[in-house]
N, C-alpha and C. Protein backbone atom coordinates (compact mmCIF):
# COMPACT_ATOMS: atom_id res chain seq x y z
N GLN A 1 47.46 -1.39 36.27
CA GLN A 1 47.67 -2.51 35.38
C GLN A 1 47.18 -2.16 33.97
N SER A 2 47.96 -2.47 33.02
CA SER A 2 47.56 -2.25 31.63
C SER A 2 47.18 -3.59 31.02
N THR A 3 46.16 -3.55 30.20
CA THR A 3 45.76 -4.79 29.52
C THR A 3 46.29 -4.75 28.11
N TRP A 4 46.81 -5.85 27.67
CA TRP A 4 47.39 -5.94 26.36
C TRP A 4 46.28 -6.23 25.34
N VAL A 5 46.20 -5.44 24.27
CA VAL A 5 45.21 -5.63 23.22
C VAL A 5 45.90 -6.22 22.01
N ARG A 6 45.38 -7.34 21.56
CA ARG A 6 45.96 -8.02 20.42
C ARG A 6 45.64 -7.22 19.15
N PRO A 7 46.59 -6.98 18.30
CA PRO A 7 46.31 -6.26 17.06
C PRO A 7 45.44 -7.11 16.14
N ILE A 8 44.57 -6.44 15.41
CA ILE A 8 43.66 -7.14 14.51
C ILE A 8 44.39 -7.41 13.20
N MET A 9 44.41 -8.66 12.82
CA MET A 9 45.08 -9.07 11.59
C MET A 9 44.01 -9.45 10.57
N ILE A 10 43.99 -8.79 9.44
CA ILE A 10 43.04 -9.11 8.37
C ILE A 10 43.84 -9.73 7.24
N SER A 11 43.56 -10.97 6.98
CA SER A 11 44.30 -11.69 5.94
C SER A 11 43.55 -11.62 4.61
N LYS A 12 44.19 -12.07 3.56
CA LYS A 12 43.56 -12.12 2.26
C LYS A 12 42.37 -13.07 2.28
N ARG A 13 42.47 -14.10 3.08
CA ARG A 13 41.37 -15.07 3.22
C ARG A 13 40.15 -14.39 3.84
N ASP A 14 40.37 -13.56 4.87
CA ASP A 14 39.26 -12.84 5.51
C ASP A 14 38.58 -11.89 4.52
N ILE A 15 39.38 -11.21 3.72
CA ILE A 15 38.83 -10.28 2.74
C ILE A 15 37.99 -11.04 1.70
N GLU A 16 38.49 -12.19 1.26
CA GLU A 16 37.75 -12.99 0.28
C GLU A 16 36.46 -13.54 0.89
N GLN A 17 36.50 -13.96 2.16
CA GLN A 17 35.29 -14.42 2.84
C GLN A 17 34.25 -13.32 2.91
N LEU A 18 34.66 -12.10 3.22
CA LEU A 18 33.71 -10.99 3.27
C LEU A 18 33.13 -10.71 1.89
N ARG A 19 33.94 -10.84 0.85
CA ARG A 19 33.45 -10.61 -0.50
C ARG A 19 32.42 -11.67 -0.89
N VAL A 20 32.69 -12.93 -0.56
CA VAL A 20 31.81 -14.02 -0.95
C VAL A 20 30.58 -14.11 -0.06
N PHE A 21 30.79 -14.03 1.25
CA PHE A 21 29.69 -14.25 2.19
C PHE A 21 29.14 -12.96 2.78
N GLY A 22 29.59 -11.82 2.31
CA GLY A 22 29.12 -10.54 2.83
C GLY A 22 27.69 -10.26 2.40
N ASP A 23 27.17 -9.13 2.82
CA ASP A 23 25.80 -8.74 2.51
C ASP A 23 25.72 -8.29 1.05
N PRO A 24 25.01 -9.03 0.20
CA PRO A 24 24.92 -8.63 -1.21
C PRO A 24 23.95 -7.48 -1.43
N ASN A 25 23.15 -7.15 -0.44
CA ASN A 25 22.12 -6.13 -0.59
C ASN A 25 22.44 -4.88 0.21
N ARG A 26 23.68 -4.48 0.20
CA ARG A 26 24.05 -3.27 0.91
C ARG A 26 23.36 -2.08 0.27
N PRO A 27 22.85 -1.16 1.06
CA PRO A 27 22.16 0.00 0.48
C PRO A 27 23.13 0.89 -0.29
N THR A 28 22.63 1.44 -1.39
CA THR A 28 23.46 2.33 -2.19
C THR A 28 23.07 3.78 -2.00
N VAL A 29 21.85 4.02 -1.49
CA VAL A 29 21.41 5.38 -1.18
C VAL A 29 20.77 5.37 0.19
N THR A 30 20.73 6.54 0.82
CA THR A 30 20.07 6.64 2.11
C THR A 30 18.56 6.73 1.91
N ILE A 31 17.83 6.59 2.99
CA ILE A 31 16.37 6.68 2.92
C ILE A 31 15.95 8.07 2.45
N GLU A 32 16.64 9.09 2.93
CA GLU A 32 16.30 10.46 2.54
C GLU A 32 16.54 10.67 1.05
N GLU A 33 17.66 10.14 0.53
CA GLU A 33 17.94 10.28 -0.90
C GLU A 33 16.89 9.53 -1.73
N TRP A 34 16.50 8.35 -1.27
CA TRP A 34 15.48 7.58 -1.98
C TRP A 34 14.17 8.34 -2.01
N ALA A 35 13.77 8.92 -0.87
CA ALA A 35 12.51 9.67 -0.81
C ALA A 35 12.56 10.88 -1.73
N GLU A 36 13.69 11.58 -1.78
CA GLU A 36 13.80 12.73 -2.67
C GLU A 36 13.69 12.30 -4.13
N MET A 37 14.29 11.17 -4.49
CA MET A 37 14.19 10.67 -5.87
C MET A 37 12.75 10.30 -6.21
N GLN A 38 12.05 9.66 -5.26
CA GLN A 38 10.67 9.28 -5.51
C GLN A 38 9.78 10.50 -5.65
N MET A 39 10.01 11.53 -4.82
CA MET A 39 9.22 12.75 -4.91
C MET A 39 9.48 13.46 -6.24
N ALA A 40 10.74 13.47 -6.68
CA ALA A 40 11.06 14.11 -7.95
C ALA A 40 10.41 13.36 -9.11
N ARG A 41 10.30 12.05 -8.99
CA ARG A 41 9.68 11.24 -10.02
C ARG A 41 8.15 11.33 -9.98
N GLY A 42 7.61 11.76 -8.82
CA GLY A 42 6.16 11.89 -8.68
C GLY A 42 5.50 10.66 -8.11
N ALA A 43 6.28 9.70 -7.64
CA ALA A 43 5.72 8.46 -7.11
C ALA A 43 5.09 8.66 -5.74
N ILE A 44 5.64 9.55 -4.94
CA ILE A 44 5.06 9.87 -3.65
C ILE A 44 4.90 11.39 -3.58
N PRO A 45 3.84 11.86 -2.93
CA PRO A 45 3.59 13.30 -2.92
C PRO A 45 4.58 14.05 -2.04
N THR A 46 4.82 15.29 -2.42
CA THR A 46 5.66 16.16 -1.60
C THR A 46 4.83 16.66 -0.43
N ALA A 47 5.47 17.35 0.49
CA ALA A 47 4.76 17.87 1.66
C ALA A 47 3.69 18.87 1.23
N GLU A 48 4.00 19.69 0.22
CA GLU A 48 3.02 20.68 -0.25
C GLU A 48 1.81 20.00 -0.89
N GLN A 49 2.06 18.94 -1.67
CA GLN A 49 0.96 18.22 -2.29
C GLN A 49 0.09 17.54 -1.24
N THR A 50 0.71 17.00 -0.21
CA THR A 50 -0.05 16.36 0.87
C THR A 50 -0.89 17.38 1.60
N HIS A 51 -0.32 18.54 1.87
CA HIS A 51 -1.06 19.60 2.57
C HIS A 51 -2.25 20.06 1.74
N GLU A 52 -2.05 20.22 0.42
CA GLU A 52 -3.14 20.66 -0.45
C GLU A 52 -4.24 19.60 -0.51
N ALA A 53 -3.86 18.32 -0.57
CA ALA A 53 -4.86 17.25 -0.61
C ALA A 53 -5.66 17.21 0.68
N MET A 54 -4.99 17.43 1.81
CA MET A 54 -5.70 17.44 3.09
C MET A 54 -6.65 18.63 3.17
N ARG A 55 -6.23 19.78 2.62
CA ARG A 55 -7.09 20.97 2.63
C ARG A 55 -8.32 20.73 1.76
N GLN A 56 -8.12 20.11 0.58
CA GLN A 56 -9.24 19.80 -0.30
C GLN A 56 -10.21 18.82 0.36
N ALA A 57 -9.67 17.82 1.06
CA ALA A 57 -10.53 16.85 1.74
C ALA A 57 -11.34 17.50 2.85
N ALA A 58 -10.72 18.45 3.56
CA ALA A 58 -11.45 19.15 4.63
C ALA A 58 -12.55 20.01 4.04
N LEU A 59 -12.28 20.68 2.91
CA LEU A 59 -13.32 21.48 2.26
C LEU A 59 -14.45 20.60 1.76
N HIS A 60 -14.10 19.45 1.20
CA HIS A 60 -15.13 18.54 0.70
C HIS A 60 -15.98 18.00 1.85
N ALA A 61 -15.33 17.68 2.97
CA ALA A 61 -16.08 17.17 4.12
C ALA A 61 -17.01 18.24 4.68
N ALA A 62 -16.59 19.49 4.59
CA ALA A 62 -17.43 20.58 5.08
C ALA A 62 -18.53 20.93 4.10
N GLY A 63 -18.48 20.38 2.89
CA GLY A 63 -19.51 20.65 1.91
C GLY A 63 -19.22 21.87 1.06
N LEU A 64 -18.04 22.44 1.16
CA LEU A 64 -17.72 23.65 0.42
C LEU A 64 -17.16 23.36 -0.95
N GLY A 65 -16.64 22.19 -1.17
CA GLY A 65 -16.02 21.88 -2.45
C GLY A 65 -16.65 20.69 -3.13
N ALA A 66 -17.94 20.45 -2.93
CA ALA A 66 -18.59 19.27 -3.50
C ALA A 66 -18.72 19.40 -5.01
N ASP A 67 -18.56 18.30 -5.72
CA ASP A 67 -18.72 18.30 -7.17
C ASP A 67 -20.19 18.47 -7.51
N ASP A 68 -20.46 19.14 -8.64
CA ASP A 68 -21.84 19.36 -9.05
C ASP A 68 -22.51 18.04 -9.46
N ALA A 69 -21.73 17.13 -10.02
CA ALA A 69 -22.32 15.86 -10.47
C ALA A 69 -22.81 15.03 -9.27
N ALA A 70 -22.05 15.00 -8.22
CA ALA A 70 -22.45 14.23 -7.05
C ALA A 70 -23.57 14.92 -6.29
N ALA A 71 -23.58 16.25 -6.31
CA ALA A 71 -24.59 16.99 -5.57
C ALA A 71 -25.91 17.06 -6.33
N ALA A 72 -25.92 16.74 -7.64
CA ALA A 72 -27.13 16.86 -8.44
C ALA A 72 -28.23 15.94 -7.96
N ASP A 73 -27.92 14.67 -7.72
CA ASP A 73 -28.95 13.71 -7.32
C ASP A 73 -28.37 12.72 -6.32
N PRO A 74 -28.43 13.04 -5.03
CA PRO A 74 -27.86 12.12 -4.04
C PRO A 74 -28.64 10.81 -3.91
N ASP A 75 -29.93 10.78 -4.32
CA ASP A 75 -30.73 9.56 -4.23
C ASP A 75 -30.34 8.55 -5.29
N GLU A 76 -29.73 9.00 -6.38
CA GLU A 76 -29.33 8.09 -7.45
C GLU A 76 -28.31 7.08 -6.96
N VAL A 77 -27.41 7.50 -6.12
CA VAL A 77 -26.39 6.60 -5.58
C VAL A 77 -27.05 5.57 -4.66
N SER A 78 -27.96 6.01 -3.83
CA SER A 78 -28.61 5.07 -2.91
C SER A 78 -29.51 4.10 -3.67
N ASP A 79 -30.12 4.55 -4.77
CA ASP A 79 -30.93 3.64 -5.58
C ASP A 79 -30.07 2.55 -6.19
N ALA A 80 -28.88 2.92 -6.67
CA ALA A 80 -27.98 1.94 -7.25
C ALA A 80 -27.51 0.95 -6.18
N ASP A 81 -27.23 1.46 -5.01
CA ASP A 81 -26.82 0.56 -3.92
C ASP A 81 -27.95 -0.37 -3.52
N ALA A 82 -29.18 0.14 -3.48
CA ALA A 82 -30.32 -0.69 -3.11
C ALA A 82 -30.55 -1.78 -4.17
N LEU A 83 -30.40 -1.43 -5.45
CA LEU A 83 -30.58 -2.40 -6.52
C LEU A 83 -29.52 -3.49 -6.44
N LYS A 84 -28.28 -3.09 -6.16
CA LYS A 84 -27.19 -4.07 -6.03
C LYS A 84 -27.46 -5.00 -4.85
N ALA A 85 -27.91 -4.45 -3.74
CA ALA A 85 -28.21 -5.27 -2.56
C ALA A 85 -29.36 -6.22 -2.84
N ARG A 86 -30.37 -5.77 -3.58
CA ARG A 86 -31.51 -6.60 -3.91
C ARG A 86 -31.09 -7.77 -4.80
N LYS A 87 -30.23 -7.48 -5.81
CA LYS A 87 -29.75 -8.55 -6.68
C LYS A 87 -28.92 -9.57 -5.91
N TRP A 88 -28.11 -9.09 -4.99
CA TRP A 88 -27.29 -10.00 -4.19
C TRP A 88 -28.17 -10.88 -3.31
N ASP A 89 -29.22 -10.31 -2.75
CA ASP A 89 -30.14 -11.06 -1.90
C ASP A 89 -30.86 -12.13 -2.72
N ASP A 90 -31.27 -11.77 -3.94
CA ASP A 90 -31.93 -12.76 -4.81
C ASP A 90 -30.97 -13.89 -5.17
N TRP A 91 -29.71 -13.56 -5.45
CA TRP A 91 -28.73 -14.59 -5.78
C TRP A 91 -28.52 -15.52 -4.61
N LYS A 92 -28.43 -14.97 -3.41
CA LYS A 92 -28.23 -15.80 -2.22
C LYS A 92 -29.44 -16.71 -1.98
N ASP A 93 -30.65 -16.24 -2.31
CA ASP A 93 -31.83 -17.08 -2.18
C ASP A 93 -31.78 -18.25 -3.16
N ASP A 94 -31.30 -17.99 -4.38
CA ASP A 94 -31.24 -19.03 -5.41
C ASP A 94 -30.09 -20.00 -5.19
N ASN A 95 -29.04 -19.58 -4.48
CA ASN A 95 -27.85 -20.40 -4.27
C ASN A 95 -27.56 -20.53 -2.78
N PRO A 96 -28.21 -21.48 -2.11
CA PRO A 96 -27.99 -21.62 -0.67
C PRO A 96 -26.57 -22.07 -0.35
N ARG A 97 -26.15 -21.83 0.85
CA ARG A 97 -24.79 -22.16 1.28
C ARG A 97 -24.56 -23.67 1.14
N GLY A 98 -23.42 -24.03 0.55
CA GLY A 98 -23.06 -25.43 0.39
C GLY A 98 -23.53 -26.04 -0.92
N SER A 99 -24.16 -25.24 -1.79
CA SER A 99 -24.65 -25.80 -3.05
C SER A 99 -23.68 -25.59 -4.20
N GLY A 100 -22.46 -25.19 -3.90
CA GLY A 100 -21.48 -24.90 -4.95
C GLY A 100 -20.84 -26.15 -5.50
N ASN A 101 -19.55 -26.09 -5.73
CA ASN A 101 -18.80 -27.20 -6.32
C ASN A 101 -18.85 -28.40 -5.39
N THR A 102 -19.37 -29.51 -5.89
CA THR A 102 -19.50 -30.72 -5.06
C THR A 102 -18.45 -31.75 -5.44
N MET A 103 -17.39 -31.31 -6.14
CA MET A 103 -16.27 -32.19 -6.51
C MET A 103 -16.72 -33.37 -7.35
N GLY A 104 -17.69 -33.16 -8.23
CA GLY A 104 -18.12 -34.19 -9.16
C GLY A 104 -19.04 -35.23 -8.57
N ARG A 105 -19.48 -35.03 -7.33
CA ARG A 105 -20.39 -36.01 -6.74
C ARG A 105 -21.78 -35.85 -7.36
N ILE A 106 -22.37 -36.95 -7.74
CA ILE A 106 -23.68 -36.92 -8.35
C ILE A 106 -24.66 -37.62 -7.42
N GLY A 107 -25.79 -36.97 -7.20
CA GLY A 107 -26.82 -37.63 -6.45
C GLY A 107 -26.91 -37.15 -5.09
């Protein structure tokens, strides 16, 4: 038995419907083309740049590529952090929870 297949008829009305109600955001470039354009522009790193950054991070983590400024006085950073924490603690003591904006209520 053969099954009869109805031919597809595309009318001018169908074409106009697709033009009006079709997808207005059809892609104009592929993902690969977009990525290549972004890499050429410098917005995203190339594979070589990513590899070099990972190598630098590994050297830094191993202590082989540490900056001289950071290695000069490691206690200076902790002193600044301790001072910041102390100031925050003092502020929290002076401003207990719920003492902020009271929406104009007096008394």
